[in-house]
Protein backbone atom coordinates (compact mmCIF):
# COMPACT_ATOMS: atom_id res chain seq x y z
CA MET A 1 0.00 0.00 0.00
CA LEU A 2 2.97 2.31 0.52
CA PHE A 3 3.79 2.04 -3.16
CA ALA A 4 0.17 2.74 -4.07
CA ARG A 5 0.38 6.01 -2.12
CA ILE A 6 3.60 6.96 -3.90
CA VAL A 7 2.08 6.41 -7.34
CA ARG A 8 -1.02 8.43 -6.48
CA ARG A 9 1.06 11.60 -6.35
CA TRP A 10 1.13 11.53 -10.16
CA ALA A 11 -2.32 12.84 -11.07
CA ALA A 12 -2.20 11.48 -14.61
CA VAL A 13 -1.59 7.91 -13.45
CA LYS A 14 -4.49 5.54 -13.04
CA PHE A 15 -3.27 2.96 -10.54
CA LEU A 16 -5.01 -0.41 -10.45
CA VAL A 17 -4.22 -3.10 -7.88
CA THR A 18 -5.07 -6.73 -8.57
CA ARG A 19 -4.97 -9.78 -6.35
CA GLY A 20 -2.55 -12.43 -7.54
CA GLY A 21 -0.47 -12.78 -10.66
CA ARG A 22 -3.02 -14.61 -12.82
CA ASN A 23 -5.64 -11.95 -12.13
CA GLY A 24 -3.04 -9.27 -12.86
CA LEU A 25 -2.14 -10.92 -16.16
CA GLN A 26 -5.79 -11.13 -17.21
CA THR A 27 -6.32 -7.51 -16.20
CA ALA A 28 -3.29 -6.49 -18.29
CA ILE A 29 -4.65 -8.43 -21.28
CA ASP A 30 -8.06 -6.75 -20.90
CA ARG A 31 -6.85 -3.24 -20.08
CA ARG A 32 -3.53 -2.94 -22.01
CA PRO A 33 -1.69 -0.75 -19.47
CA ARG A 34 1.27 1.40 -20.44
CA MET A 35 3.24 0.32 -17.35
CA VAL A 36 3.01 -2.65 -14.98
CA VAL A 37 4.44 -3.05 -11.49
CA VAL A 38 4.80 -6.69 -10.44
CA GLU A 39 5.64 -8.31 -7.11
CA ALA A 40 8.44 -10.84 -7.59
CA ARG A 41 6.85 -13.38 -5.24
CA LEU A 42 3.25 -14.20 -5.99
CA PRO A 43 1.11 -16.93 -4.45
CA ASP A 44 -0.37 -18.24 -7.69
CA ILE A 45 2.22 -17.82 -10.46
CA ASP A 46 5.99 -17.57 -10.77
CA GLY A 47 6.95 -13.89 -11.00
CA GLU A 48 9.48 -14.47 -13.78
CA MET A 49 6.87 -16.35 -15.81
CA LEU A 50 4.46 -13.47 -15.33
CA VAL A 51 7.02 -10.93 -16.52
CA GLY A 52 7.78 -13.12 -19.55
CA ALA A 53 4.09 -13.45 -20.39
CA LEU A 54 3.59 -9.70 -20.08
CA ARG A 55 6.65 -8.93 -22.20
CA ASN A 56 5.91 -11.49 -24.91
CA GLY A 57 2.21 -11.08 -25.40
CA VAL A 58 0.68 -8.16 -23.56
CA MET A 59 2.98 -5.16 -23.26
CA ARG A 60 4.06 -3.26 -26.33
CA PRO A 61 7.80 -2.86 -26.96
CA GLY A 62 9.24 -0.18 -24.70
CA GLU A 63 6.40 -0.23 -22.18
CA PRO A 64 7.95 -0.69 -18.72
CA ILE A 65 7.56 -3.61 -16.37
CA VAL A 66 8.86 -2.80 -12.87
CA VAL A 67 9.51 -5.66 -10.44
CA LEU A 68 9.33 -5.16 -6.67
CA ALA A 69 11.25 -7.80 -4.71
CA HIS A 70 12.36 -8.73 -1.21
CA ASP A 71 15.40 -10.69 -2.39
CA GLY A 72 17.53 -8.11 -4.17
CA THR A 73 20.30 -10.56 -5.02
CA PRO A 74 22.20 -10.02 -8.27
CA GLY A 75 21.10 -13.45 -9.51
CA GLU A 76 17.41 -12.78 -9.02
CA ARG A 77 17.73 -9.29 -10.49
CA ALA A 78 19.43 -10.76 -13.59
CA ARG A 79 16.72 -13.43 -14.00
CA PHE A 80 13.94 -10.85 -13.96
CA LEU A 81 15.75 -8.54 -16.36
CA ARG A 82 16.32 -11.47 -18.74
CA ALA A 83 12.62 -12.31 -18.48
CA GLY A 84 11.80 -8.82 -19.75
CA ALA A 85 11.61 -6.52 -16.73
CA THR A 86 12.63 -2.92 -17.31
CA ALA A 87 13.57 -2.30 -13.67
CA TYR A 88 14.05 -4.41 -10.54
CA ILE A 89 13.70 -2.71 -7.16
CA ALA A 90 14.44 -4.38 -3.82
CA LYS A 91 12.17 -3.54 -0.89
CA PRO A 92 11.94 -2.03 1.68
CA SER A 93 14.91 0.22 1.06
CA GLY A 94 13.71 0.66 -2.51
CA VAL A 95 10.96 3.19 -1.73
CA ALA A 96 13.02 6.16 -2.91
CA GLU A 97 14.32 4.14 -5.85
CA PHE A 98 10.74 3.16 -6.79
CA ASP A 99 9.63 6.79 -6.65
CA ARG A 100 12.58 7.89 -8.79
CA THR A 101 12.31 4.99 -11.29
CA VAL A 102 8.57 5.29 -11.87
CA GLY A 103 8.90 9.07 -12.19
CA ILE A 104 11.53 8.69 -14.90
CA LEU A 105 9.53 6.01 -16.73
CA LEU A 106 6.45 8.25 -16.67
CA GLU A 107 8.46 11.14 -18.11
CA VAL A 108 9.79 8.91 -20.89
CA ALA A 109 6.27 7.62 -21.63
CA ALA A 110 5.03 11.21 -21.94
CA TRP A 111 7.59 11.83 -24.71
CA ARG A 112 6.21 8.99 -26.85
């Protein structure tokens, strides 16, 4: 919920929270968002598989997928980036990084 509050400071952003990865994937298919934020650990689907599915069939090229994770190890970061993530942010110390990263990605999206 902390991240939801951070995103709300951007008035132009419509922030939608879903429960579980499969529901999030279906919502992305139905809604075609311009950016997706994914939890690395989900109860119903492997996070890397979800990122791969988003990158290979839902998100348009260049649309960001941001992964939020508890792990933060270089190996996990590399796996998510190979799967198609644009950014990988470790929590909880990643709050400022999340704010900065999403802000930059929103600015880039506005230029397109």
